[in-house]
Amino acid sequence: MKIKKGDNVIILAGSDKGKKGKVMKAMPTLNKIVVEGINMKKRSKKASKKTGAGQVIEMAMPIDASNAKKVA
């Protein structure tokens, strides 16, 4: 895998096609990367005594490294 953490990439396929972002995490064994602001999904967090109310957290999910291209 040629894409490393900290590289700037452009997305080649999927719903975020054409967007640019910085790689936050690379997983070479799975051939996946996490790009800042790309492939955002919402996850619900249950209420607890510490936080009080429940929350909806938006987090970046991994995409396949073949769907991204390194930008110089």
PDB file of N, CA and C in Angstrom:
ATOM      1  N   MET A   1       0.853  -1.177   0.000  1.00  0.00           N
ATOM      2  CA  MET A   1       0.000   0.000   0.000  1.00  0.00           C
ATOM      3  C   MET A   1       0.896   1.237   0.000  1.00  0.00           C
ATOM      4  N   LYS A   2       0.652   2.154  -0.935  1.00  0.00           N
ATOM      5  CA  LYS A   2       1.510   3.321  -1.098  1.00  0.00           C
ATOM      6  C   LYS A   2       1.033   4.544  -0.329  1.00  0.00           C
ATOM      7  N   ILE A   3      -0.188   4.507   0.187  1.00  0.00           N
ATOM      8  CA  ILE A   3      -0.738   5.649   0.931  1.00  0.00           C
ATOM      9  C   ILE A   3      -0.395   5.502   2.405  1.00  0.00           C
ATOM     10  N   LYS A   4       0.141   6.564   2.978  1.00  0.00           N
ATOM     11  CA  LYS A   4       0.562   6.557   4.387  1.00  0.00           C
ATOM     12  C   LYS A   4      -0.216   7.613   5.173  1.00  0.00           C
ATOM     13  N   LYS A   5      -0.118   7.562   6.491  1.00  0.00           N
ATOM     14  CA  LYS A   5      -0.734   8.545   7.366  1.00  0.00           C
ATOM     15  C   LYS A   5      -0.133   9.929   7.076  1.00  0.00           C
ATOM     16  N   GLY A   6      -0.992  10.940   6.952  1.00  0.00           N
ATOM     17  CA  GLY A   6      -0.532  12.294   6.693  1.00  0.00           C
ATOM     18  C   GLY A   6      -0.549  12.684   5.227  1.00  0.00           C
ATOM     19  N   ASP A   7      -0.725  11.725   4.315  1.00  0.00           N
ATOM     20  CA  ASP A   7      -0.783  12.025   2.878  1.00  0.00           C
ATOM     21  C   ASP A   7      -2.096  12.717   2.533  1.00  0.00           C
ATOM     22  N   ASN A   8      -2.065  13.570   1.521  1.00  0.00           N
ATOM     23  CA  ASN A   8      -3.276  14.164   0.970  1.00  0.00           C
ATOM     24  C   ASN A   8      -3.745  13.287  -0.176  1.00  0.00           C
ATOM     25  N   VAL A   9      -5.046  12.961  -0.177  1.00  0.00           N
ATOM     26  CA  VAL A   9      -5.604  12.071  -1.189  1.00  0.00           C
ATOM     27  C   VAL A   9      -6.853  12.671  -1.811  1.00  0.00           C
ATOM     28  N   ILE A  10      -7.198  12.182  -2.996  1.00  0.00           N
ATOM     29  CA  ILE A  10      -8.453  12.513  -3.652  1.00  0.00           C
ATOM     30  C   ILE A  10      -9.224  11.212  -3.804  1.00  0.00           C
ATOM     31  N   ILE A  11     -10.530  11.252  -3.565  1.00  0.00           N
ATOM     32  CA  ILE A  11     -11.363  10.054  -3.609  1.00  0.00           C
ATOM     33  C   ILE A  11     -11.799   9.802  -5.049  1.00  0.00           C
ATOM     34  N   LEU A  12     -11.606   8.570  -5.520  1.00  0.00           N
ATOM     35  CA  LEU A  12     -11.883   8.202  -6.906  1.00  0.00           C
ATOM     36  C   LEU A  12     -13.244   7.539  -7.104  1.00  0.00           C
ATOM     37  N   ALA A  13     -13.816   6.950  -6.066  1.00  0.00           N
ATOM     38  CA  ALA A  13     -15.073   6.215  -6.214  1.00  0.00           C
ATOM     39  C   ALA A  13     -15.917   6.366  -4.951  1.00  0.00           C
ATOM     40  N   GLY A  14     -17.214   6.180  -5.114  1.00  0.00           N
ATOM     41  CA  GLY A  14     -18.130   6.232  -3.984  1.00  0.00           C
ATOM     42  C   GLY A  14     -18.882   7.549  -3.910  1.00  0.00           C
ATOM     43  N   SER A  15     -19.623   7.737  -2.830  1.00  0.00           N
ATOM     44  CA  SER A  15     -20.463   8.925  -2.672  1.00  0.00           C
ATOM     45  C   SER A  15     -19.652  10.199  -2.470  1.00  0.00           C
ATOM     46  N   ASP A  16     -18.409  10.084  -2.044  1.00  0.00           N
ATOM     47  CA  ASP A  16     -17.538  11.235  -1.822  1.00  0.00           C
ATOM     48  C   ASP A  16     -16.557  11.448  -2.968  1.00  0.00           C
ATOM     49  N   LYS A  17     -16.871  10.932  -4.147  1.00  0.00           N
ATOM     50  CA  LYS A  17     -15.983  11.016  -5.314  1.00  0.00           C
ATOM     51  C   LYS A  17     -15.622  12.468  -5.623  1.00  0.00           C
ATOM     52  N   GLY A  18     -14.306  12.716  -5.810  1.00  0.00           N
ATOM     53  CA  GLY A  18     -13.821  14.048  -6.149  1.00  0.00           C
ATOM     54  C   GLY A  18     -13.400  14.885  -4.964  1.00  0.00           C
ATOM     55  N   LYS A  19     -13.734  14.469  -3.750  1.00  0.00           N
ATOM     56  CA  LYS A  19     -13.359  15.217  -2.556  1.00  0.00           C
ATOM     57  C   LYS A  19     -11.908  14.939  -2.185  1.00  0.00           C
ATOM     58  N   LYS A  20     -11.295  15.911  -1.515  1.00  0.00           N
ATOM     59  CA  LYS A  20      -9.909  15.774  -1.069  1.00  0.00           C
ATOM     60  C   LYS A  20      -9.868  15.769   0.449  1.00  0.00           C
ATOM     61  N   GLY A  21      -8.867  15.103   1.008  1.00  0.00           N
ATOM     62  CA  GLY A  21      -8.709  15.053   2.442  1.00  0.00           C
ATOM     63  C   GLY A  21      -7.363  14.497   2.841  1.00  0.00           C
ATOM     64  N   LYS A  22      -7.094  14.550   4.140  1.00  0.00           N
ATOM     65  CA  LYS A  22      -5.838  14.077   4.702  1.00  0.00           C
ATOM     66  C   LYS A  22      -6.070  12.729   5.377  1.00  0.00           C
ATOM     67  N   VAL A  23      -5.147  11.808   5.180  1.00  0.00           N
ATOM     68  CA  VAL A  23      -5.260  10.469   5.772  1.00  0.00           C
ATOM     69  C   VAL A  23      -4.950  10.559   7.264  1.00  0.00           C
ATOM     70  N   MET A  24      -5.923  10.156   8.089  1.00  0.00           N
ATOM     71  CA  MET A  24      -5.750  10.168   9.539  1.00  0.00           C
ATOM     72  C   MET A  24      -5.194   8.847  10.055  1.00  0.00           C
ATOM     73  N   LYS A  25      -5.553   7.742   9.373  1.00  0.00           N
ATOM     74  CA  LYS A  25      -5.128   6.418   9.820  1.00  0.00           C
ATOM     75  C   LYS A  25      -5.007   5.502   8.611  1.00  0.00           C
ATOM     76  N   ALA A  26      -3.953   4.712   8.576  1.00  0.00           N
ATOM     77  CA  ALA A  26      -3.755   3.729   7.509  1.00  0.00           C
ATOM     78  C   ALA A  26      -3.713   2.337   8.117  1.00  0.00           C
ATOM     79  N   MET A  27      -4.420   1.392   7.486  1.00  0.00           N
ATOM     80  CA  MET A  27      -4.464   0.005   7.945  1.00  0.00           C
ATOM     81  C   MET A  27      -3.989  -0.893   6.812  1.00  0.00           C
ATOM     82  N   PRO A  28      -2.657  -1.070   6.658  1.00  0.00           N
ATOM     83  CA  PRO A  28      -2.125  -1.816   5.519  1.00  0.00           C
ATOM     84  C   PRO A  28      -2.539  -3.292   5.475  1.00  0.00           C
ATOM     85  N   THR A  29      -2.761  -3.923   6.601  1.00  0.00           N
ATOM     86  CA  THR A  29      -3.152  -5.338   6.588  1.00  0.00           C
ATOM     87  C   THR A  29      -4.555  -5.515   6.022  1.00  0.00           C
ATOM     88  N   LEU A  30      -5.436  -4.531   6.237  1.00  0.00           N
ATOM     89  CA  LEU A  30      -6.802  -4.571   5.713  1.00  0.00           C
ATOM     90  C   LEU A  30      -6.935  -3.822   4.396  1.00  0.00           C
ATOM     91  N   ASN A  31      -5.877  -3.119   3.977  1.00  0.00           N
ATOM     92  CA  ASN A  31      -5.857  -2.287   2.770  1.00  0.00           C
ATOM     93  C   ASN A  31      -6.937  -1.204   2.833  1.00  0.00           C
ATOM     94  N   LYS A  32      -7.075  -0.572   4.008  1.00  0.00           N
ATOM     95  CA  LYS A  32      -8.069   0.482   4.216  1.00  0.00           C
ATOM     96  C   LYS A  32      -7.410   1.720   4.802  1.00  0.00           C
ATOM     97  N   ILE A  33      -8.056   2.882   4.567  1.00  0.00           N
ATOM     98  CA  ILE A  33      -7.584   4.144   5.123  1.00  0.00           C
ATOM     99  C   ILE A  33      -8.774   4.916   5.681  1.00  0.00           C
ATOM    100  N   VAL A  34      -8.503   5.792   6.652  1.00  0.00           N
ATOM    101  CA  VAL A  34      -9.506   6.705   7.197  1.00  0.00           C
ATOM    102  C   VAL A  34      -9.084   8.098   6.784  1.00  0.00           C
ATOM    103  N   VAL A  35      -9.969   8.797   6.059  1.00  0.00           N
ATOM    104  CA  VAL A  35      -9.675  10.129   5.543  1.00  0.00           C
ATOM    105  C   VAL A  35     -10.546  11.143   6.284  1.00  0.00           C
ATOM    106  N   GLU A  36      -9.936  12.238   6.680  1.00  0.00           N
ATOM    107  CA  GLU A  36     -10.610  13.300   7.432  1.00  0.00           C
ATOM    108  C   GLU A  36     -11.768  13.887   6.614  1.00  0.00           C
ATOM    109  N   GLY A  37     -12.993  13.822   7.147  1.00  0.00           N
ATOM    110  CA  GLY A  37     -14.169  14.407   6.514  1.00  0.00           C
ATOM    111  C   GLY A  37     -14.780  13.580   5.401  1.00  0.00           C
ATOM    112  N   ILE A  38     -14.277  12.375   5.162  1.00  0.00           N
ATOM    113  CA  ILE A  38     -14.781  11.507   4.093  1.00  0.00           C
ATOM    114  C   ILE A  38     -15.436  10.278   4.711  1.00  0.00           C
ATOM    115  N   ASN A  39     -16.546   9.823   4.096  1.00  0.00           N
ATOM    116  CA  ASN A  39     -17.275   8.628   4.546  1.00  0.00           C
ATOM    117  C   ASN A  39     -17.731   8.780   5.995  1.00  0.00           C
ATOM    118  N   MET A  40     -18.363   9.910   6.300  1.00  0.00           N
ATOM    119  CA  MET A  40     -18.838  10.191   7.650  1.00  0.00           C
ATOM    120  C   MET A  40     -20.121   9.408   7.937  1.00  0.00           C
ATOM    121  N   LYS A  41     -20.171   8.747   9.070  1.00  0.00           N
ATOM    122  CA  LYS A  41     -21.341   7.991   9.496  1.00  0.00           C
ATOM    123  C   LYS A  41     -21.742   8.458  10.888  1.00  0.00           C
ATOM    124  N   LYS A  42     -23.034   8.350  11.195  1.00  0.00           N
ATOM    125  CA  LYS A  42     -23.540   8.755  12.507  1.00  0.00           C
ATOM    126  C   LYS A  42     -23.719   7.523  13.379  1.00  0.00           C
ATOM    127  N   ARG A  43     -23.261   7.623  14.607  1.00  0.00           N
ATOM    128  CA  ARG A  43     -23.395   6.549  15.592  1.00  0.00           C
ATOM    129  C   ARG A  43     -24.077   7.113  16.832  1.00  0.00           C
ATOM    130  N   SER A  44     -25.018   6.352  17.397  1.00  0.00           N
ATOM    131  CA  SER A  44     -25.718   6.780  18.597  1.00  0.00           C
ATOM    132  C   SER A  44     -24.976   6.290  19.820  1.00  0.00           C
ATOM    133  N   LYS A  45     -24.869   7.148  20.820  1.00  0.00           N
ATOM    134  CA  LYS A  45     -24.241   6.781  22.078  1.00  0.00           C
ATOM    135  C   LYS A  45     -25.314   6.830  23.156  1.00  0.00           C
ATOM    136  N   LYS A  46     -25.413   5.774  23.913  1.00  0.00           N
ATOM    137  CA  LYS A  46     -26.424   5.656  24.938  1.00  0.00           C
ATOM    138  C   LYS A  46     -26.179   6.634  26.083  1.00  0.00           C
ATOM    139  N   ALA A  47     -27.226   7.058  26.722  1.00  0.00           N
ATOM    140  CA  ALA A  47     -27.112   7.947  27.876  1.00  0.00           C
ATOM    141  C   ALA A  47     -26.505   7.191  29.057  1.00  0.00           C
ATOM    142  N   SER A  48     -25.695   7.898  29.839  1.00  0.00           N
ATOM    143  CA  SER A  48     -25.112   7.304  31.038  1.00  0.00           C
ATOM    144  C   SER A  48     -25.169   8.324  32.164  1.00  0.00           C
ATOM    145  N   LYS A  49     -24.796   7.914  33.340  1.00  0.00           N
ATOM    146  CA  LYS A  49     -24.819   8.830  34.481  1.00  0.00           C
ATOM    147  C   LYS A  49     -23.786   9.944  34.316  1.00  0.00           C
ATOM    148  N   LYS A  50     -22.661   9.634  33.681  1.00  0.00           N
ATOM    149  CA  LYS A  50     -21.619  10.646  33.472  1.00  0.00           C
ATOM    150  C   LYS A  50     -22.053  11.706  32.463  1.00  0.00           C
ATOM    151  N   THR A  51     -22.525  11.258  31.289  1.00  0.00           N
ATOM    152  CA  THR A  51     -22.844  12.204  30.215  1.00  0.00           C
ATOM    153  C   THR A  51     -24.242  12.805  30.343  1.00  0.00           C
ATOM    154  N   GLY A  52     -25.127  12.120  31.010  1.00  0.00           N
ATOM    155  CA  GLY A  52     -26.489  12.620  31.150  1.00  0.00           C
ATOM    156  C   GLY A  52     -27.359  12.174  29.992  1.00  0.00           C
ATOM    157  N   ALA A  53     -27.365  12.942  28.912  1.00  0.00           N
ATOM    158  CA  ALA A  53     -28.210  12.626  27.765  1.00  0.00           C
ATOM    159  C   ALA A  53     -27.442  11.787  26.744  1.00  0.00           C
ATOM    160  N   GLY A  54     -28.199  11.146  25.881  1.00  0.00           N
ATOM    161  CA  GLY A  54     -27.587  10.401  24.792  1.00  0.00           C
ATOM    162  C   GLY A  54     -27.051  11.362  23.740  1.00  0.00           C
ATOM    163  N   GLN A  55     -26.185  10.866  22.868  1.00  0.00           N
ATOM    164  CA  GLN A  55     -25.569  11.713  21.860  1.00  0.00           C
ATOM    165  C   GLN A  55     -25.549  11.006  20.516  1.00  0.00           C
ATOM    166  N   VAL A  56     -25.498  11.800  19.441  1.00  0.00           N
ATOM    167  CA  VAL A  56     -25.270  11.273  18.108  1.00  0.00           C
ATOM    168  C   VAL A  56     -23.886  11.752  17.701  1.00  0.00           C
ATOM    169  N   ILE A  57     -22.964  10.814  17.492  1.00  0.00           N
ATOM    170  CA  ILE A  57     -21.577  11.131  17.174  1.00  0.00           C
ATOM    171  C   ILE A  57     -21.346  10.848  15.694  1.00  0.00           C
ATOM    172  N   GLU A  58     -20.737  11.812  14.999  1.00  0.00           N
ATOM    173  CA  GLU A  58     -20.400  11.632  13.592  1.00  0.00           C
ATOM    174  C   GLU A  58     -18.926  11.272  13.504  1.00  0.00           C
ATOM    175  N   MET A  59     -18.617  10.147  12.853  1.00  0.00           N
ATOM    176  CA  MET A  59     -17.231   9.688  12.775  1.00  0.00           C
ATOM    177  C   MET A  59     -16.890   9.224  11.366  1.00  0.00           C
ATOM    178  N   ALA A  60     -15.610   9.376  11.009  1.00  0.00           N
ATOM    179  CA  ALA A  60     -15.130   8.951   9.694  1.00  0.00           C
ATOM    180  C   ALA A  60     -14.877   7.450   9.725  1.00  0.00           C
ATOM    181  N   MET A  61     -15.409   6.747   8.738  1.00  0.00           N
ATOM    182  CA  MET A  61     -15.253   5.307   8.642  1.00  0.00           C
ATOM    183  C   MET A  61     -14.214   4.986   7.568  1.00  0.00           C
ATOM    184  N   PRO A  62     -13.573   3.815   7.652  1.00  0.00           N
ATOM    185  CA  PRO A  62     -12.538   3.461   6.673  1.00  0.00           C
ATOM    186  C   PRO A  62     -13.096   3.217   5.272  1.00  0.00           C
ATOM    187  N   ILE A  63     -12.266   3.528   4.273  1.00  0.00           N
ATOM    188  CA  ILE A  63     -12.584   3.212   2.889  1.00  0.00           C
ATOM    189  C   ILE A  63     -11.433   2.382   2.328  1.00  0.00           C
ATOM    190  N   ASP A  64     -11.677   1.700   1.242  1.00  0.00           N
ATOM    191  CA  ASP A  64     -10.632   0.900   0.619  1.00  0.00           C
ATOM    192  C   ASP A  64      -9.578   1.818   0.005  1.00  0.00           C
ATOM    193  N   ALA A  65      -8.331   1.465   0.166  1.00  0.00           N
ATOM    194  CA  ALA A  65      -7.226   2.288  -0.323  1.00  0.00           C
ATOM    195  C   ALA A  65      -7.225   2.406  -1.842  1.00  0.00           C
ATOM    196  N   SER A  66      -7.822   1.444  -2.538  1.00  0.00           N
ATOM    197  CA  SER A  66      -7.867   1.499  -3.991  1.00  0.00           C
ATOM    198  C   SER A  66      -8.820   2.575  -4.500  1.00  0.00           C
ATOM    199  N   ASN A  67      -9.686   3.083  -3.621  1.00  0.00           N
ATOM    200  CA  ASN A  67     -10.628   4.142  -4.003  1.00  0.00           C
ATOM    201  C   ASN A  67     -10.064   5.528  -3.767  1.00  0.00           C
ATOM    202  N   ALA A  68      -8.786   5.635  -3.425  1.00  0.00           N
ATOM    203  CA  ALA A  68      -8.138   6.925  -3.185  1.00  0.00           C
ATOM    204  C   ALA A  68      -6.840   7.001  -3.975  1.00  0.00           C
ATOM    205  N   LYS A  69      -6.484   8.228  -4.345  1.00  0.00           N
ATOM    206  CA  LYS A  69      -5.251   8.460  -5.090  1.00  0.00           C
ATOM    207  C   LYS A  69      -4.456   9.552  -4.383  1.00  0.00           C
ATOM    208  N   LYS A  70      -3.174   9.310  -4.199  1.00  0.00           N
ATOM    209  CA  LYS A  70      -2.277  10.261  -3.553  1.00  0.00           C
ATOM    210  C   LYS A  70      -2.131  11.509  -4.410  1.00  0.00           C
ATOM    211  N   VAL A  71      -2.259  12.697  -3.789  1.00  0.00           N
ATOM    212  CA  VAL A  71      -2.112  13.964  -4.490  1.00  0.00           C
ATOM    213  C   VAL A  71      -0.782  14.578  -4.096  1.00  0.00           C
ATOM    214  N   ALA A  72      -0.037  15.062  -5.076  1.00  0.00           N
ATOM    215  CA  ALA A  72       1.290  15.629  -4.801  1.00  0.00           C
ATOM    216  C   ALA A  72       1.196  16.964  -4.100  1.00  0.00           C
TER     217      ALA A  72
END
